[in-house]
C-alpha atoms as a PDB file:
ATOM      1  CA  MET A   1      69.449  58.084  58.173  1.00  0.00           C
ATOM      2  CA  THR A   2      67.246  54.926  58.083  1.00  0.00           C
ATOM      3  CA  SER A   3      68.612  53.888  61.489  1.00  0.00           C
ATOM      4  CA  ASN A   4      67.675  57.301  62.933  1.00  0.00           C
ATOM      5  CA  ILE A   5      64.103  56.981  61.669  1.00  0.00           C
ATOM      6  CA  THR A   6      63.872  53.499  63.148  1.00  0.00           C
ATOM      7  CA  ASN A   7      65.074  54.819  66.498  1.00  0.00           C
ATOM      8  CA  ILE A   8      62.504  57.647  66.395  1.00  0.00           C
ATOM      9  CA  ILE A   9      59.735  55.145  65.724  1.00  0.00           C
ATOM     10  CA  ARG A  10      60.931  53.001  68.606  1.00  0.00           C
ATOM     11  CA  ILE A  11      61.144  56.061  70.895  1.00  0.00           C
ATOM     12  CA  GLN A  12      57.617  56.973  69.840  1.00  0.00           C
ATOM     13  CA  GLN A  13      56.419  53.478  70.704  1.00  0.00           C
ATOM     14  CA  TYR A  14      58.411  53.611  73.949  1.00  0.00           C
ATOM     15  CA  LEU A  15      56.721  56.835  75.064  1.00  0.00           C
ATOM     16  CA  LYS A  16      53.289  55.538  74.083  1.00  0.00           C
ATOM     17  CA  GLY A  17      53.871  52.283  75.972  1.00  0.00           C
ATOM     18  CA  GLU A  18      53.495  50.184  72.878  1.00  0.00           C
ATOM     19  CA  LEU A  19      56.706  48.214  73.432  1.00  0.00           C
ATOM     20  CA  SER A  20      56.894  45.027  75.383  1.00  0.00           C
ATOM     21  CA  PRO A  21      59.049  44.955  78.539  1.00  0.00           C
ATOM     22  CA  GLU A  22      61.733  43.073  76.636  1.00  0.00           C
ATOM     23  CA  GLU A  23      61.716  45.651  73.809  1.00  0.00           C
ATOM     24  CA  MET A  24      61.822  48.525  76.279  1.00  0.00           C
ATOM     25  CA  ASN A  25      64.823  46.955  78.049  1.00  0.00           C
ATOM     26  CA  LYS A  26      66.521  46.388  74.701  1.00  0.00           C
ATOM     27  CA  LEU A  27      66.005  50.043  73.737  1.00  0.00           C
ATOM     28  CA  GLU A  28      67.360  51.203  77.085  1.00  0.00           C
ATOM     29  CA  ARG A  29      70.433  48.948  76.721  1.00  0.00           C
ATOM     30  CA  GLU A  30      71.049  50.246  73.188  1.00  0.00           C
ATOM     31  CA  ALA A  31      70.773  53.786  74.514  1.00  0.00           C
ATOM     32  CA  LEU A  32      73.680  53.046  76.853  1.00  0.00           C
ATOM     33  CA  ASP A  33      75.886  52.152  73.848  1.00  0.00           C
ATOM     34  CA  ASP A  34      74.529  54.767  71.421  1.00  0.00           C
ATOM     35  CA  PRO A  35      75.072  58.373  72.616  1.00  0.00           C
ATOM     36  CA  PHE A  36      72.683  59.754  69.994  1.00  0.00           C
ATOM     37  CA  LEU A  37      69.910  57.377  70.966  1.00  0.00           C
ATOM     38  CA  ASN A  38      70.550  58.012  74.657  1.00  0.00           C
ATOM     39  CA  ASP A  39      70.426  61.806  74.239  1.00  0.00           C
ATOM     40  CA  ALA A  40      67.286  61.594  72.121  1.00  0.00           C
ATOM     41  CA  LEU A  41      65.519  59.344  74.581  1.00  0.00           C
ATOM     42  CA  GLU A  42      66.460  61.460  77.611  1.00  0.00           C
ATOM     43  CA  GLY A  43      65.543  64.667  75.795  1.00  0.00           C
ATOM     44  CA  TYR A  44      62.111  63.415  74.863  1.00  0.00           C
ATOM     45  CA  LEU A  45      61.500  62.155  78.405  1.00  0.00           C
ATOM     46  CA  GLN A  46      62.650  65.394  80.052  1.00  0.00           C
ATOM     47  CA  LYS A  47      60.839  67.779  77.690  1.00  0.00           C
ATOM     48  CA  GLY A  48      57.741  65.711  77.354  1.00  0.00           C
ATOM     49  CA  VAL A  49      57.770  65.630  73.580  1.00  0.00           C
ATOM     50  CA  ASN A  50      54.428  64.349  72.373  1.00  0.00           C
ATOM     51  CA  THR A  51      53.848  61.819  69.674  1.00  0.00           C
ATOM     52  CA  GLN A  52      52.631  64.445  67.211  1.00  0.00           C
ATOM     53  CA  HIS A  53      56.013  66.170  67.309  1.00  0.00           C
ATOM     54  CA  LEU A  54      57.735  62.855  66.799  1.00  0.00           C
ATOM     55  CA  THR A  55      55.525  62.123  63.816  1.00  0.00           C
ATOM     56  CA  LEU A  56      56.376  65.507  62.274  1.00  0.00           C
ATOM     57  CA  LEU A  57      60.062  64.898  62.875  1.00  0.00           C
ATOM     58  CA  GLN A  58      59.783  61.497  61.265  1.00  0.00           C
ATOM     59  CA  GLN A  59      58.052  63.062  58.262  1.00  0.00           C
ATOM     60  CA  ARG A  60      60.747  65.718  57.886  1.00  0.00           C
ATOM     61  CA  LEU A  61      63.460  63.072  57.997  1.00  0.00           C
ATOM     62  CA  GLN A  62      61.640  61.011  55.400  1.00  0.00           C
ATOM     63  CA  ASN A  63      61.264  64.068  53.160  1.00  0.00           C
ATOM     64  CA  ARG A  64      64.959  64.791  53.504  1.00  0.00           C
ATOM     65  CA  ILE A  65      65.776  61.230  52.443  1.00  0.00           C
ATOM     66  CA  THR A  66      63.480  61.610  49.431  1.00  0.00           C
ATOM     67  CA  GLU A  67      64.992  64.978  48.465  1.00  0.00           C
ATOM     68  CA  GLN A  68      68.579  63.727  48.438  1.00  0.00           C
ATOM     69  CA  PRO A  69      68.268  61.679  45.187  1.00  0.00           C
ATOM     70  CA  GLN A  70      66.393  64.562  43.576  1.00  0.00           C
ATOM     71  CA  GLU A  71      69.173  66.964  44.547  1.00  0.00           C
ATOM     72  CA  ARG A  72      71.773  64.588  43.126  1.00  0.00           C
ATOM     73  CA  ASN A  73      69.777  64.345  39.901  1.00  0.00           C
ATOM     74  CA  ARG A  74      69.582  68.135  39.639  1.00  0.00           C
ATOM     75  CA  MET A  75      73.334  68.439  40.158  1.00  0.00           C
ATOM     76  CA  LEU A  76      73.977  65.751  37.542  1.00  0.00           C
ATOM     77  CA  PHE A  77      71.639  67.463  35.072  1.00  0.00           C
ATOM     78  CA  THR A  78      73.344  70.813  35.679  1.00  0.00           C
ATOM     79  CA  SER A  79      76.774  69.251  35.124  1.00  0.00           C
ATOM     80  CA  GLN A  80      75.579  67.680  31.876  1.00  0.00           C
ATOM     81  CA  ARG A  81      74.227  71.014  30.648  1.00  0.00           C
ATOM     82  CA  LEU A  82      77.508  72.740  31.482  1.00  0.00           C
ATOM     83  CA  GLY A  83      79.419  70.038  29.607  1.00  0.00           C
ATOM     84  CA  ILE A  84      77.192  70.385  26.543  1.00  0.00           C
ATOM     85  CA  ALA A  85      77.575  74.176  26.625  1.00  0.00           C
ATOM     86  CA  ALA A  86      81.374  73.872  26.831  1.00  0.00           C
ATOM     87  CA  VAL A  87      81.458  71.496  23.843  1.00  0.00           C
ATOM     88  CA  ALA A  88      79.178  73.826  21.859  1.00  0.00           C
ATOM     89  CA  CYS A  89      81.463  76.804  22.586  1.00  0.00           C
ATOM     90  CA  LEU A  90      84.516  74.812  21.519  1.00  0.00           C
ATOM     91  CA  LEU A  91      82.854  73.763  18.253  1.00  0.00           C
ATOM     92  CA  PHE A  92      81.841  77.376  17.586  1.00  0.00           C
ATOM     93  CA  VAL A  93      85.419  78.585  18.092  1.00  0.00           C
ATOM     94  CA  LEU A  94      86.772  75.848  15.803  1.00  0.00           C
ATOM     95  CA  ALA A  95      84.207  76.740  13.131  1.00  0.00           C
ATOM     96  CA  CYS A  96      85.213  80.413  13.314  1.00  0.00           C
ATOM     97  CA  VAL A  97      88.904  79.514  12.981  1.00  0.00           C
ATOM     98  CA  LEU A  98      88.233  77.258   9.976  1.00  0.00           C
ATOM     99  CA  LEU A  99      86.084  79.940   8.336  1.00  0.00           C
ATOM    100  CA  TRP A 100      88.829  82.521   8.856  1.00  0.00           C
ATOM    101  CA  MET A 101      91.432  80.183   7.346  1.00  0.00           C
ATOM    102  CA  VAL A 102      89.246  79.487   4.293  1.00  0.00           C
ATOM    103  CA  ASN A 103      88.560  83.192   3.757  1.00  0.00           C
ATOM    104  CA  THR A 104      92.261  84.016   4.095  1.00  0.00           C
ATOM    105  CA  ARG A 105      93.209  81.342   1.565  1.00  0.00           C
ATOM    106  CA  ASN A 106      90.510  82.490  -0.865  1.00  0.00           C
ATOM    107  CA  THR A 107      91.709  86.085  -0.550  1.00  0.00           C
ATOM    108  CA  ALA A 108      95.293  85.010  -1.253  1.00  0.00           C
ATOM    109  CA  ASN A 109      94.192  82.985  -4.287  1.00  0.00           C
ATOM    110  CA  LYS A 110      92.144  85.906  -5.572  1.00  0.00           C
ATOM    111  CA  THR A 111      95.140  88.221  -5.190  1.00  0.00           C
ATOM    112  CA  ASN A 112      97.336  85.773  -7.086  1.00  0.00           C
ATOM    113  CA  ARG A 113      94.792  85.553  -9.890  1.00  0.00           C
ATOM    114  CA  GLU A 114      94.562  89.341 -10.097  1.00  0.00           C
ATOM    115  CA  VAL A 115      98.339  89.634 -10.324  1.00  0.00           C
ATOM    116  CA  THR A 116      98.415  87.006 -13.075  1.00  0.00           C
ATOM    117  CA  VAL A 117      95.723  88.822 -15.032  1.00  0.00           C
ATOM    118  CA  GLU A 118      97.529  92.141 -14.676  1.00  0.00           C
ATOM    119  CA  LEU A 119     100.764  90.627 -15.940  1.00  0.00           C
ATOM    120  CA  ASN A 120      99.020  89.251 -19.025  1.00  0.00           C
ATOM    121  CA  THR A 121      97.013  92.302 -20.076  1.00  0.00           C
ATOM    122  CA  GLY A 122      99.484  93.172 -22.818  1.00  0.00           C
ATOM    123  CA  ASP A 123      98.849  92.257 -26.432  1.00  0.00           C
ATOM    124  CA  PRO A 124     100.489  89.038 -27.691  1.00  0.00           C
ATOM    125  CA  ILE A 125     103.822  89.305 -29.450  1.00  0.00           C
ATOM    126  CA  PRO A 126     103.273  88.957 -33.210  1.00  0.00           C
ATOM    127  CA  SER A 127     106.025  87.519 -35.351  1.00  0.00           C
ATOM    128  CA  GLY A 128     106.824  86.945 -39.000  1.00  0.00           C
ATOM    129  CA  ASN A 129     109.445  87.481 -41.712  1.00  0.00           C
ATOM    130  CA  GLY A 130     112.249  87.593 -39.177  1.00  0.00           C
ATOM    131  CA  LEU A 131     110.623  90.537 -37.358  1.00  0.00           C
ATOM    132  CA  SER A 132     108.989  90.494 -33.910  1.00  0.00           C
ATOM    133  CA  ILE A 133     107.057  93.380 -32.481  1.00  0.00           C
ATOM    134  CA  ALA A 134     106.613  93.136 -28.690  1.00  0.00           C
ATOM    135  CA  ARG A 135     103.442  93.873 -26.889  1.00  0.00           C
ATOM    136  CA  LYS A 136     103.074  97.282 -25.402  1.00  0.00           C
ATOM    137  CA  LEU A 137     105.343  97.685 -22.424  1.00  0.00           C
ATOM    138  CA  THR A 138     102.832  99.423 -20.151  1.00  0.00           C
ATOM    139  CA  ALA A 139      99.144  98.779 -19.613  1.00  0.00           C
ATOM    140  CA  SER A 140      98.274 102.395 -20.425  1.00  0.00           C
ATOM    141  CA  SER A 141     100.352 102.500 -23.601  1.00  0.00           C
ATOM    142  CA  ALA A 142      98.659 103.387 -26.868  1.00  0.00           C
ATOM    143  CA  SER A 143      97.995 100.619 -29.397  1.00  0.00           C
ATOM    144  CA  PRO A 144      97.672 100.761 -33.181  1.00  0.00           C
ATOM    145  CA  ALA A 145      94.153 101.825 -34.090  1.00  0.00           C
ATOM    146  CA  ALA A 146      93.813  98.883 -36.488  1.00  0.00           C
ATOM    147  CA  GLY A 147      95.424  96.380 -34.094  1.00  0.00           C
ATOM    148  CA  TRP A 148      98.846  94.846 -33.643  1.00  0.00           C
ATOM    149  CA  ASP A 149      98.498  92.307 -36.473  1.00  0.00           C
ATOM    150  CA  HIS A 150      97.877  95.051 -39.002  1.00  0.00           C
ATOM    151  CA  PHE A 151     100.804  97.081 -37.652  1.00  0.00           C
ATOM    152  CA  ASN A 152     103.088  94.030 -37.815  1.00  0.00           C
ATOM    153  CA  ASP A 153     102.109  93.353 -41.438  1.00  0.00           C
ATOM    154  CA  TYR A 154     102.987  96.951 -42.259  1.00  0.00           C
ATOM    155  CA  ILE A 155     106.438  96.652 -40.649  1.00  0.00           C
ATOM    156  CA  ALA A 156     107.107  93.325 -42.402  1.00  0.00           C
ATOM    157  CA  LYS A 157     106.341  94.862 -45.792  1.00  0.00           C
ATOM    158  CA  LYS A 158     108.166  98.169 -45.316  1.00  0.00           C
ATOM    159  CA  ALA A 159     111.249  97.115 -43.367  1.00  0.00           C
ATOM    160  CA  LYS A 160     114.404  96.491 -45.370  1.00  0.00           C
ATOM    161  CA  SER A 161     115.467  92.903 -45.796  1.00  0.00           C
ATOM    162  CA  ASN A 162     118.933  93.727 -44.522  1.00  0.00           C
ATOM    163  CA  MET A 163     117.793  95.168 -41.164  1.00  0.00           C
ATOM    164  CA  ALA A 164     120.408  94.511 -38.498  1.00  0.00           C
ATOM    165  CA  LYS A 165     119.515  92.333 -35.526  1.00  0.00           C
ATOM    166  CA  GLY A 166     118.682  94.263 -32.392  1.00  0.00           C
ATOM    167  CA  VAL A 167     116.102  95.366 -29.815  1.00  0.00           C
ATOM    168  CA  ILE A 168     114.786  98.922 -29.837  1.00  0.00           C
ATOM    169  CA  VAL A 169     112.278 100.535 -27.475  1.00  0.00           C
ATOM    170  CA  LEU A 170     110.621 103.774 -28.603  1.00  0.00           C
ATOM    171  CA  ARG A 171     108.454 106.062 -26.500  1.00  0.00           C
ATOM    172  CA  PHE A 172     106.271 108.642 -28.230  1.00  0.00           C
ATOM    173  CA  GLN A 173     103.178 110.834 -28.058  1.00  0.00           C
ATOM    174  CA  VAL A 174     100.120 110.510 -30.306  1.00  0.00           C
ATOM    175  CA  ASN A 175      98.315 113.614 -31.566  1.00  0.00           C
ATOM    176  CA  GLN A 176      94.624 114.076 -32.243  1.00  0.00           C
ATOM    177  CA  GLN A 177      94.972 112.594 -35.740  1.00  0.00           C
ATOM    178  CA  GLY A 178      96.629 109.442 -34.353  1.00  0.00           C
ATOM    179  CA  ARG A 179     100.113 110.317 -35.632  1.00  0.00           C
ATOM    180  CA  PRO A 180     103.197 109.623 -33.458  1.00  0.00           C
ATOM    181  CA  PHE A 181     105.465 112.546 -32.542  1.00  0.00           C
ATOM    182  CA  ASN A 182     108.133 113.435 -30.010  1.00  0.00           C
ATOM    183  CA  ILE A 183     109.726 110.009 -30.485  1.00  0.00           C
ATOM    184  CA  GLN A 184     112.369 109.092 -27.879  1.00  0.00           C
ATOM    185  CA  VAL A 185     114.756 106.146 -27.864  1.00  0.00           C
ATOM    186  CA  ILE A 186     114.546 104.296 -24.544  1.00  0.00           C
ATOM    187  CA  LYS A 187     116.623 101.299 -25.574  1.00  0.00           C
ATOM    188  CA  GLY A 188     118.847 100.666 -28.591  1.00  0.00           C
ATOM    189  CA  THR A 189     120.450 104.078 -29.073  1.00  0.00           C
ATOM    190  CA  GLU A 190     123.442 102.346 -30.658  1.00  0.00           C
ATOM    191  CA  TYR A 191     121.301 100.595 -33.271  1.00  0.00           C
ATOM    192  CA  SER A 192     122.655 101.427 -36.739  1.00  0.00           C
ATOM    193  CA  GLN A 193     119.290 101.746 -38.481  1.00  0.00           C
ATOM    194  CA  LEU A 194     117.464 103.687 -35.791  1.00  0.00           C
ATOM    195  CA  ASN A 195     116.337 106.440 -38.169  1.00  0.00           C
ATOM    196  CA  GLU A 196     114.674 103.923 -40.493  1.00  0.00           C
ATOM    197  CA  ILE A 197     112.606 102.567 -37.592  1.00  0.00           C
ATOM    198  CA  LYS A 198     111.529 106.068 -36.562  1.00  0.00           C
ATOM    199  CA  GLN A 199     110.399 106.756 -40.121  1.00  0.00           C
ATOM    200  CA  LEU A 200     108.441 103.497 -40.182  1.00  0.00           C
ATOM    201  CA  LEU A 201     106.673 104.539 -36.987  1.00  0.00           C
ATOM    202  CA  LYS A 202     105.881 108.042 -38.242  1.00  0.00           C
ATOM    203  CA  GLY A 203     104.639 106.911 -41.657  1.00  0.00           C
ATOM    204  CA  GLY A 204     102.802 103.809 -40.501  1.00  0.00           C
ATOM    205  CA  PRO A 205      99.203 103.115 -39.432  1.00  0.00           C
ATOM    206  CA  ALA A 206      97.443 105.479 -37.073  1.00  0.00           C
ATOM    207  CA  TRP A 207      97.495 105.017 -33.296  1.00  0.00           C
ATOM    208  CA  GLU A 208      94.975 105.645 -30.560  1.00  0.00           C
ATOM    209  CA  ALA A 209      94.675 109.429 -30.439  1.00  0.00           C
ATOM    210  CA  ASN A 210      95.833 111.676 -27.620  1.00  0.00           C
ATOM    211  CA  LYS A 211      97.776 108.980 -25.804  1.00  0.00           C
ATOM    212  CA  SER A 212     101.396 108.018 -25.278  1.00  0.00           C
ATOM    213  CA  GLY A 213     102.934 104.806 -26.503  1.00  0.00           C
ATOM    214  CA  GLU A 214     105.906 102.621 -25.730  1.00  0.00           C
ATOM    215  CA  VAL A 215     106.768  99.899 -28.267  1.00  0.00           C
ATOM    216  CA  GLU A 216     109.566  97.369 -28.438  1.00  0.00           C
ATOM    217  CA  PHE A 217     110.881  96.328 -31.872  1.00  0.00           C
ATOM    218  CA  VAL A 218     112.833  93.089 -32.106  1.00  0.00           C
ATOM    219  CA  PHE A 219     114.717  92.369 -35.352  1.00  0.00           C
ATOM    220  CA  GLU A 220     116.042  88.851 -35.710  1.00  0.00           C
END
């Protein structure tokens, strides 16, 4: 591009007669070896292009040379912006994935904690005097109105010392006065002293009224 501008300047000087005879001969010889220079020189001579047109052409070429670095800078800036945008999108996607993983893990941990709590809602198993009374077998089961410790003390005092070893599960209803009725044997039907246990339940402390209960007796 610089060579073309130089040639235009020399052609301009050639047409204006500002070149020496030696310089004019040199330009004409170069035109024989350079097709572009030869065509430009002949075209200007044939069409009578004036110096003003040559000056405008020179200015346009110079502007084009000046614009090329600016265009490259704009392209580079655009590429940089696209790269930054791509990195930002990637980081956003990674952040969303990590957030989803954390939420999923927290939900799983919360579910595990809820299951653990549900499995431990029953009353603790009291023990004493060779007698163990299990916690209620269902979460909705009735409990002794005065609590399991009081009920266990009652059984320890009233049960015979020669009670046979065994496990008995009784299911029953509780009336409005808190008295058990409709007692059913769920486990331990072969237990030899089953009637004594039923009588202990009927004559013992009151239960939560208008509910159903399910209690496991363990004699050791």
